[in-house]
Amino acid sequence: MQEVAISFEDQPGCLATMGEVVGRAGLNLEGGGCFVENGRGVARFLFADRSAARDALEAAGIQVGVYRMCLCSD
């Protein structure tokens, strides 16, 4: 799994827009969460294909921050 950090306005609908973008790209959110930090929304989600997630989000004008590999176990 690969983590992607997303930054967005702390406003209703921003997280839904992110979900729509990811869904249209055929990607699954494998896990993660979101919170508000310094007045901005921050989401950290796990994807099987970090590059595809980043490309889809950035093409939609969504700011993608740090991304890194994650170790997951059953």
Protein backbone atom coordinates (compact mmCIF):
# COMPACT_ATOMS: atom_id res chain seq x y z
CA MET A 1 0.00 0.00 0.00
CA GLN A 2 1.04 3.56 -0.61
CA GLU A 3 -0.10 6.57 1.37
CA VAL A 4 -1.13 9.79 -0.33
CA ALA A 5 -1.66 12.99 1.69
CA ILE A 6 -4.23 15.39 0.30
CA SER A 7 -4.78 18.98 1.38
CA PHE A 8 -8.08 20.78 0.78
CA GLU A 9 -10.28 23.62 2.01
CA ASP A 10 -12.12 22.88 5.25
CA GLN A 11 -15.53 23.21 3.58
CA PRO A 12 -18.49 20.88 3.04
CA GLY A 13 -18.18 18.81 -0.13
CA CYS A 14 -14.39 18.92 -0.57
CA LEU A 15 -13.88 15.37 0.65
CA ALA A 16 -16.81 14.17 -1.49
CA THR A 17 -15.19 15.75 -4.56
CA MET A 18 -11.97 13.90 -3.80
CA GLY A 19 -13.92 10.63 -3.56
CA GLU A 20 -15.63 11.27 -6.88
CA VAL A 21 -12.29 11.92 -8.60
CA VAL A 22 -10.79 8.73 -7.21
CA GLY A 23 -13.88 6.73 -8.15
CA ARG A 24 -13.93 8.04 -11.73
CA ALA A 25 -10.29 6.96 -12.03
CA GLY A 26 -11.30 3.43 -10.99
CA LEU A 27 -9.25 3.54 -7.79
CA ASN A 28 -10.14 2.16 -4.37
CA LEU A 29 -9.42 3.82 -1.05
CA GLU A 30 -7.80 0.98 0.88
CA GLY A 31 -7.79 2.81 4.21
CA GLY A 32 -7.00 6.14 5.79
CA GLY A 33 -8.56 9.08 7.52
CA CYS A 34 -8.93 12.83 7.54
CA PHE A 35 -8.72 15.71 9.98
CA VAL A 36 -8.33 19.49 10.15
CA GLU A 37 -4.88 20.96 10.71
CA ASN A 38 -4.18 24.71 10.83
CA GLY A 39 -7.59 25.45 9.29
CA ARG A 40 -7.12 23.12 6.30
CA GLY A 41 -8.52 19.70 5.64
CA VAL A 42 -5.90 16.97 5.48
CA ALA A 43 -6.65 13.45 4.28
CA ARG A 44 -4.26 10.52 4.30
CA PHE A 45 -5.43 7.56 2.26
CA LEU A 46 -3.88 4.29 1.18
CA PHE A 47 -3.94 3.29 -2.48
CA ALA A 48 -2.59 0.28 -4.32
CA ASP A 49 -1.37 2.61 -7.10
CA ARG A 50 -0.03 5.87 -5.69
CA SER A 51 0.92 7.30 -9.09
CA ALA A 52 -2.55 6.81 -10.55
CA ALA A 53 -4.12 8.39 -7.45
CA ARG A 54 -1.75 11.35 -7.57
CA ASP A 55 -2.29 11.89 -11.29
CA ALA A 56 -6.09 11.79 -11.00
CA LEU A 57 -6.17 14.11 -7.98
CA GLU A 58 -3.74 16.64 -9.43
CA ALA A 59 -5.59 16.65 -12.77
CA ALA A 60 -8.71 17.66 -10.81
CA GLY A 61 -6.82 20.50 -9.10
CA ILE A 62 -6.56 18.75 -5.74
CA GLN A 63 -3.33 19.43 -3.87
CA VAL A 64 -1.35 16.26 -3.21
CA GLY A 65 1.35 16.42 -0.57
CA VAL A 66 3.68 13.81 0.82
CA TYR A 67 3.28 10.25 -0.34
CA ARG A 68 5.10 7.19 0.95
CA MET A 69 5.08 3.42 1.08
CA CYS A 70 3.26 1.76 3.96
CA LEU A 71 3.62 -1.65 5.49
CA CYS A 72 0.29 -3.38 6.07
CA SER A 73 -0.30 -6.79 7.58
CA ASP A 74 -3.28 -9.05 8.20
